[in-house]
Amino acid sequence: GEGNNITSALVEQMRGKIAEGLEADAVDVRDESGNARHVSIKVVSKAFEGKSSVNRQRMVYKCIWMELQDQVHAVNEMVTLTPEEAS
């Protein structure tokens, strides 16, 4: 459907912004609600080294600030890992 195209484009856009902004090794953005209102995000990045989980989440939110103002209403789950933590 039309909605799904918009949703997957939005999810891809967020994924790309996070990957670029945090030079991430891996980014997974999952649409939990079928319309990208609720997403869960998993990011593996060296940028998280030495950062608290609150600061890590802030870094991710900063990358997708625009999307959060617009379509996305909630991030249900956010997992932030360094490459070491992920391995």
C-alpha atoms as a PDB file:
ATOM      1  CA  GLY A   1       0.000   0.000   0.000  1.00  0.00           C
ATOM      2  CA  GLU A   2       0.850   3.679  -0.263  1.00  0.00           C
ATOM      3  CA  GLY A   3       1.390   4.019   3.483  1.00  0.00           C
ATOM      4  CA  ASN A   4       3.994   1.296   3.509  1.00  0.00           C
ATOM      5  CA  ASN A   5       6.101   3.039   0.893  1.00  0.00           C
ATOM      6  CA  ILE A   6       6.156   6.217   2.933  1.00  0.00           C
ATOM      7  CA  THR A   7       6.920   4.239   6.071  1.00  0.00           C
ATOM      8  CA  SER A   8       9.791   2.271   4.589  1.00  0.00           C
ATOM      9  CA  ALA A   9      11.221   5.442   3.067  1.00  0.00           C
ATOM     10  CA  LEU A  10      11.058   7.118   6.477  1.00  0.00           C
ATOM     11  CA  VAL A  11      12.661   4.135   8.202  1.00  0.00           C
ATOM     12  CA  GLU A  12      15.426   4.074   5.576  1.00  0.00           C
ATOM     13  CA  GLN A  13      15.954   7.809   5.950  1.00  0.00           C
ATOM     14  CA  MET A  14      16.321   7.506   9.718  1.00  0.00           C
ATOM     15  CA  ARG A  15      18.637   4.546   9.331  1.00  0.00           C
ATOM     16  CA  GLY A  16      20.805   6.497   6.917  1.00  0.00           C
ATOM     17  CA  LYS A  17      20.977   9.585   9.113  1.00  0.00           C
ATOM     18  CA  ILE A  18      21.958   7.588  12.194  1.00  0.00           C
ATOM     19  CA  ALA A  19      24.527   5.555  10.264  1.00  0.00           C
ATOM     20  CA  GLU A  20      26.080   8.710   8.857  1.00  0.00           C
ATOM     21  CA  GLY A  21      25.813  10.881  11.956  1.00  0.00           C
ATOM     22  CA  LEU A  22      27.370   8.314  14.274  1.00  0.00           C
ATOM     23  CA  GLU A  23      29.563   6.529  11.714  1.00  0.00           C
ATOM     24  CA  ALA A  24      27.759   3.436  12.924  1.00  0.00           C
ATOM     25  CA  ASP A  25      28.852  -0.132  12.256  1.00  0.00           C
ATOM     26  CA  ALA A  26      25.232  -1.236  12.284  1.00  0.00           C
ATOM     27  CA  VAL A  27      21.839   0.443  12.489  1.00  0.00           C
ATOM     28  CA  ASP A  28      18.514  -1.318  12.715  1.00  0.00           C
ATOM     29  CA  VAL A  29      15.327   0.750  12.662  1.00  0.00           C
ATOM     30  CA  ARG A  30      12.164  -1.305  13.012  1.00  0.00           C
ATOM     31  CA  ASP A  31       8.672   0.001  12.439  1.00  0.00           C
ATOM     32  CA  GLU A  32       6.630  -1.354  15.352  1.00  0.00           C
ATOM     33  CA  SER A  33       3.254   0.105  14.446  1.00  0.00           C
ATOM     34  CA  GLY A  34       2.920  -0.230  10.671  1.00  0.00           C
ATOM     35  CA  ASN A  35       2.975   3.531  10.118  1.00  0.00           C
ATOM     36  CA  ALA A  36       6.329   4.446  11.693  1.00  0.00           C
ATOM     37  CA  ARG A  37       4.632   6.194  14.617  1.00  0.00           C
ATOM     38  CA  HIS A  38       6.444   3.790  16.914  1.00  0.00           C
ATOM     39  CA  VAL A  39       9.869   2.493  16.065  1.00  0.00           C
ATOM     40  CA  SER A  40      12.635   0.607  17.784  1.00  0.00           C
ATOM     41  CA  ILE A  41      16.232   1.399  17.075  1.00  0.00           C
ATOM     42  CA  LYS A  42      19.441  -0.520  17.571  1.00  0.00           C
ATOM     43  CA  VAL A  43      22.785   1.141  16.884  1.00  0.00           C
ATOM     44  CA  VAL A  44      26.332  -0.170  17.100  1.00  0.00           C
ATOM     45  CA  SER A  45      28.896   2.629  16.997  1.00  0.00           C
ATOM     46  CA  LYS A  46      32.376   3.462  18.236  1.00  0.00           C
ATOM     47  CA  ALA A  47      31.021   6.943  18.987  1.00  0.00           C
ATOM     48  CA  PHE A  48      29.334   5.470  22.080  1.00  0.00           C
ATOM     49  CA  GLU A  49      32.603   4.521  23.749  1.00  0.00           C
ATOM     50  CA  GLY A  50      32.887   6.101  27.196  1.00  0.00           C
ATOM     51  CA  LYS A  51      29.360   7.540  27.031  1.00  0.00           C
ATOM     52  CA  SER A  52      26.492   6.861  29.432  1.00  0.00           C
ATOM     53  CA  SER A  53      23.373   5.258  28.005  1.00  0.00           C
ATOM     54  CA  VAL A  54      21.477   8.545  28.394  1.00  0.00           C
ATOM     55  CA  ASN A  55      24.102  10.380  26.356  1.00  0.00           C
ATOM     56  CA  ARG A  56      24.160   7.612  23.756  1.00  0.00           C
ATOM     57  CA  GLN A  57      20.405   7.903  23.308  1.00  0.00           C
ATOM     58  CA  ARG A  58      20.715  11.675  23.028  1.00  0.00           C
ATOM     59  CA  MET A  59      23.257  11.245  20.244  1.00  0.00           C
ATOM     60  CA  VAL A  60      20.845   9.015  18.336  1.00  0.00           C
ATOM     61  CA  TYR A  61      17.884  11.345  18.901  1.00  0.00           C
ATOM     62  CA  LYS A  62      19.931  14.243  17.560  1.00  0.00           C
ATOM     63  CA  CYS A  63      20.414  12.427  14.248  1.00  0.00           C
ATOM     64  CA  ILE A  64      16.682  11.946  13.730  1.00  0.00           C
ATOM     65  CA  TRP A  65      15.434  15.159  15.294  1.00  0.00           C
ATOM     66  CA  MET A  66      13.479  16.160  12.172  1.00  0.00           C
ATOM     67  CA  GLU A  67      11.671  12.849  11.925  1.00  0.00           C
ATOM     68  CA  LEU A  68      10.741  12.974  15.599  1.00  0.00           C
ATOM     69  CA  GLN A  69       9.132  16.399  15.091  1.00  0.00           C
ATOM     70  CA  ASP A  70       7.146  15.027  12.223  1.00  0.00           C
ATOM     71  CA  GLN A  71       5.927  11.459  11.730  1.00  0.00           C
ATOM     72  CA  VAL A  72       7.564   9.494  14.493  1.00  0.00           C
ATOM     73  CA  HIS A  73       5.849   9.789  17.859  1.00  0.00           C
ATOM     74  CA  ALA A  74       7.733   7.342  19.998  1.00  0.00           C
ATOM     75  CA  VAL A  75      10.817   5.236  20.107  1.00  0.00           C
ATOM     76  CA  ASN A  76       9.635   2.109  21.919  1.00  0.00           C
ATOM     77  CA  GLU A  77      13.055   0.663  22.429  1.00  0.00           C
ATOM     78  CA  MET A  78      16.544   1.962  21.868  1.00  0.00           C
ATOM     79  CA  VAL A  79      19.608  -0.239  22.104  1.00  0.00           C
ATOM     80  CA  THR A  80      22.985   1.489  21.883  1.00  0.00           C
ATOM     81  CA  LEU A  81      26.150  -0.599  21.842  1.00  0.00           C
ATOM     82  CA  THR A  82      29.834  -0.136  21.161  1.00  0.00           C
ATOM     83  CA  PRO A  83      31.402  -2.688  18.788  1.00  0.00           C
ATOM     84  CA  GLU A  84      32.954  -4.386  21.829  1.00  0.00           C
ATOM     85  CA  GLU A  85      29.618  -4.606  23.639  1.00  0.00           C
ATOM     86  CA  ALA A  86      27.952  -5.958  20.519  1.00  0.00           C
ATOM     87  CA  SER A  87      30.479  -8.702  19.881  1.00  0.00           C
END
